[in-house]
Amino acid sequence: MDATLAKDFKFGERINVRASLQLTNVFNPFAPGAPSTTVTTVASWGVINGQATTQRQTEFGLRISF
């Protein structure tokens, strides 16, 4: 789930400022990656070493128009 928050500010008649915050993967649920399929090493066969989804990311933006 992704989300965006934005707020517009006006300074006088000509200057506008927009502040925004974008969040990717808000809840950051665990999604297991593919298990190891190395047959030669019995200890690591079938072990899940990572996560299939990307980590939570945040981006802040500031736009000034006049």
N, C-alpha and C. Protein backbone atom coordinates (compact mmCIF):
# COMPACT_ATOMS: atom_id res chain seq x y z
N MET A 1 0.84 -1.17 0.00
CA MET A 1 0.00 0.00 0.00
C MET A 1 0.89 1.23 0.00
N ASP A 2 0.57 2.17 -0.87
CA ASP A 2 1.32 3.42 -0.98
C ASP A 2 0.42 4.58 -0.54
N ALA A 3 1.05 5.68 -0.12
CA ALA A 3 0.28 6.85 0.31
C ALA A 3 1.04 8.12 -0.04
N THR A 4 0.28 9.19 -0.28
CA THR A 4 0.85 10.50 -0.54
C THR A 4 0.11 11.54 0.28
N LEU A 5 0.87 12.38 0.95
CA LEU A 5 0.31 13.51 1.69
C LEU A 5 0.85 14.78 1.07
N ALA A 6 -0.03 15.76 0.84
CA ALA A 6 0.42 17.01 0.22
C ALA A 6 -0.33 18.18 0.83
N LYS A 7 0.34 19.32 0.90
CA LYS A 7 -0.25 20.54 1.45
C LYS A 7 0.21 21.71 0.60
N ASP A 8 -0.76 22.55 0.18
CA ASP A 8 -0.45 23.74 -0.59
C ASP A 8 -0.48 24.97 0.31
N PHE A 9 0.51 25.83 0.15
CA PHE A 9 0.61 27.09 0.89
C PHE A 9 0.64 28.22 -0.12
N LYS A 10 -0.05 29.32 0.20
CA LYS A 10 -0.05 30.50 -0.66
C LYS A 10 0.56 31.66 0.11
N PHE A 11 1.49 32.35 -0.54
CA PHE A 11 2.11 33.54 0.01
C PHE A 11 1.83 34.69 -0.94
N GLY A 12 0.91 35.54 -0.56
CA GLY A 12 0.52 36.63 -1.44
C GLY A 12 -0.31 36.11 -2.60
N GLU A 13 -0.27 36.83 -3.71
CA GLU A 13 -1.06 36.43 -4.87
C GLU A 13 -0.28 35.56 -5.86
N ARG A 14 1.04 35.63 -5.83
CA ARG A 14 1.82 34.98 -6.87
C ARG A 14 2.64 33.78 -6.43
N ILE A 15 2.97 33.67 -5.19
CA ILE A 15 3.89 32.61 -4.75
C ILE A 15 3.09 31.46 -4.13
N ASN A 16 3.29 30.26 -4.68
CA ASN A 16 2.66 29.04 -4.18
C ASN A 16 3.75 28.04 -3.82
N VAL A 17 3.58 27.37 -2.70
CA VAL A 17 4.51 26.34 -2.26
C VAL A 17 3.71 25.08 -1.98
N ARG A 18 4.17 23.97 -2.53
CA ARG A 18 3.52 22.68 -2.29
C ARG A 18 4.53 21.74 -1.63
N ALA A 19 4.19 21.26 -0.45
CA ALA A 19 5.02 20.28 0.26
C ALA A 19 4.33 18.92 0.15
N SER A 20 5.09 17.89 -0.18
CA SER A 20 4.50 16.56 -0.33
C SER A 20 5.39 15.50 0.30
N LEU A 21 4.76 14.44 0.74
CA LEU A 21 5.44 13.30 1.34
C LEU A 21 4.86 12.05 0.71
N GLN A 22 5.69 11.26 0.04
CA GLN A 22 5.25 10.02 -0.61
C GLN A 22 5.84 8.84 0.15
N LEU A 23 4.98 7.91 0.50
CA LEU A 23 5.39 6.70 1.22
C LEU A 23 5.10 5.48 0.36
N THR A 24 6.10 4.65 0.16
CA THR A 24 5.96 3.42 -0.61
C THR A 24 6.07 2.24 0.35
N ASN A 25 5.15 1.29 0.24
CA ASN A 25 5.12 0.11 1.09
C ASN A 25 4.95 0.53 2.56
N VAL A 26 3.85 1.21 2.84
CA VAL A 26 3.61 1.84 4.15
C VAL A 26 3.66 0.83 5.30
N PHE A 27 2.98 -0.29 5.18
CA PHE A 27 2.90 -1.24 6.29
C PHE A 27 4.08 -2.20 6.36
N ASN A 28 4.87 -2.28 5.29
CA ASN A 28 6.08 -3.11 5.23
C ASN A 28 5.83 -4.55 5.71
N PRO A 29 4.85 -5.26 5.10
CA PRO A 29 4.61 -6.64 5.53
C PRO A 29 5.72 -7.57 5.05
N PHE A 30 5.93 -8.63 5.78
CA PHE A 30 6.96 -9.59 5.39
C PHE A 30 6.41 -10.51 4.31
N ALA A 31 7.10 -10.57 3.20
CA ALA A 31 6.78 -11.48 2.11
C ALA A 31 8.04 -12.29 1.84
N PRO A 32 8.06 -13.57 2.22
CA PRO A 32 9.28 -14.35 2.08
C PRO A 32 9.71 -14.52 0.63
N GLY A 33 11.01 -14.48 0.42
CA GLY A 33 11.58 -14.66 -0.91
C GLY A 33 11.63 -16.14 -1.27
N ALA A 34 12.16 -16.43 -2.42
CA ALA A 34 12.26 -17.80 -2.90
C ALA A 34 13.30 -18.56 -2.08
N PRO A 35 13.02 -19.80 -1.72
CA PRO A 35 14.00 -20.58 -0.95
C PRO A 35 15.18 -21.01 -1.81
N SER A 36 16.27 -21.30 -1.14
CA SER A 36 17.48 -21.75 -1.83
C SER A 36 17.24 -23.14 -2.41
N THR A 37 17.71 -23.36 -3.63
CA THR A 37 17.51 -24.67 -4.28
C THR A 37 18.83 -25.38 -4.53
N THR A 38 19.86 -25.05 -3.75
CA THR A 38 21.15 -25.69 -3.89
C THR A 38 21.08 -27.10 -3.29
N VAL A 39 21.14 -28.09 -4.13
CA VAL A 39 21.00 -29.47 -3.68
C VAL A 39 22.31 -30.00 -3.08
N THR A 40 23.44 -29.45 -3.48
CA THR A 40 24.73 -29.96 -3.02
C THR A 40 24.99 -29.64 -1.55
N THR A 41 24.40 -28.57 -1.04
CA THR A 41 24.58 -28.21 0.37
C THR A 41 23.27 -28.48 1.11
N VAL A 42 23.25 -29.52 1.90
CA VAL A 42 22.02 -29.94 2.58
C VAL A 42 21.59 -28.92 3.63
N ALA A 43 22.53 -28.27 4.30
CA ALA A 43 22.20 -27.33 5.37
C ALA A 43 21.50 -26.08 4.86
N SER A 44 21.77 -25.68 3.61
CA SER A 44 21.15 -24.45 3.11
C SER A 44 19.99 -24.70 2.14
N TRP A 45 19.68 -25.96 1.86
CA TRP A 45 18.59 -26.25 0.93
C TRP A 45 17.24 -25.89 1.55
N GLY A 46 16.45 -25.11 0.83
CA GLY A 46 15.12 -24.73 1.30
C GLY A 46 15.10 -23.57 2.28
N VAL A 47 16.25 -22.96 2.55
CA VAL A 47 16.33 -21.84 3.49
C VAL A 47 15.93 -20.55 2.77
N ILE A 48 15.07 -19.76 3.41
CA ILE A 48 14.67 -18.47 2.85
C ILE A 48 15.65 -17.42 3.34
N ASN A 49 16.34 -16.77 2.40
CA ASN A 49 17.39 -15.83 2.77
C ASN A 49 17.00 -14.37 2.67
N GLY A 50 15.83 -14.07 2.17
CA GLY A 50 15.50 -12.66 1.99
C GLY A 50 14.02 -12.41 1.88
N GLN A 51 13.72 -11.18 1.54
CA GLN A 51 12.35 -10.73 1.43
C GLN A 51 12.05 -10.44 -0.04
N ALA A 52 10.85 -10.79 -0.50
CA ALA A 52 10.48 -10.61 -1.90
C ALA A 52 10.09 -9.17 -2.22
N THR A 53 9.55 -8.45 -1.26
CA THR A 53 9.13 -7.07 -1.51
C THR A 53 10.23 -6.09 -1.12
N THR A 54 10.11 -4.87 -1.63
CA THR A 54 11.10 -3.84 -1.30
C THR A 54 10.82 -3.25 0.08
N GLN A 55 11.83 -2.64 0.65
CA GLN A 55 11.69 -2.01 1.96
C GLN A 55 10.83 -0.76 1.87
N ARG A 56 10.39 -0.27 3.00
CA ARG A 56 9.62 0.97 3.05
C ARG A 56 10.51 2.13 2.59
N GLN A 57 9.96 3.00 1.74
CA GLN A 57 10.70 4.15 1.23
C GLN A 57 9.89 5.41 1.43
N THR A 58 10.57 6.52 1.72
CA THR A 58 9.93 7.80 1.94
C THR A 58 10.59 8.85 1.05
N GLU A 59 9.78 9.71 0.45
CA GLU A 59 10.30 10.78 -0.39
C GLU A 59 9.60 12.08 -0.03
N PHE A 60 10.38 13.13 0.18
CA PHE A 60 9.83 14.43 0.51
C PHE A 60 10.07 15.37 -0.66
N GLY A 61 9.05 16.15 -1.02
CA GLY A 61 9.17 17.08 -2.13
C GLY A 61 8.71 18.47 -1.75
N LEU A 62 9.33 19.47 -2.34
CA LEU A 62 8.95 20.86 -2.11
C LEU A 62 8.98 21.57 -3.46
N ARG A 63 7.83 22.08 -3.89
CA ARG A 63 7.73 22.77 -5.18
C ARG A 63 7.32 24.21 -4.94
N ILE A 64 8.10 25.12 -5.51
CA ILE A 64 7.81 26.56 -5.39
C ILE A 64 7.48 27.08 -6.78
N SER A 65 6.33 27.72 -6.90
CA SER A 65 5.96 28.32 -8.19
C SER A 65 5.60 29.78 -7.96
N PHE A 66 5.98 30.59 -8.95
CA PHE A 66 5.69 32.03 -8.85
C PHE A 66 5.40 32.60 -10.22
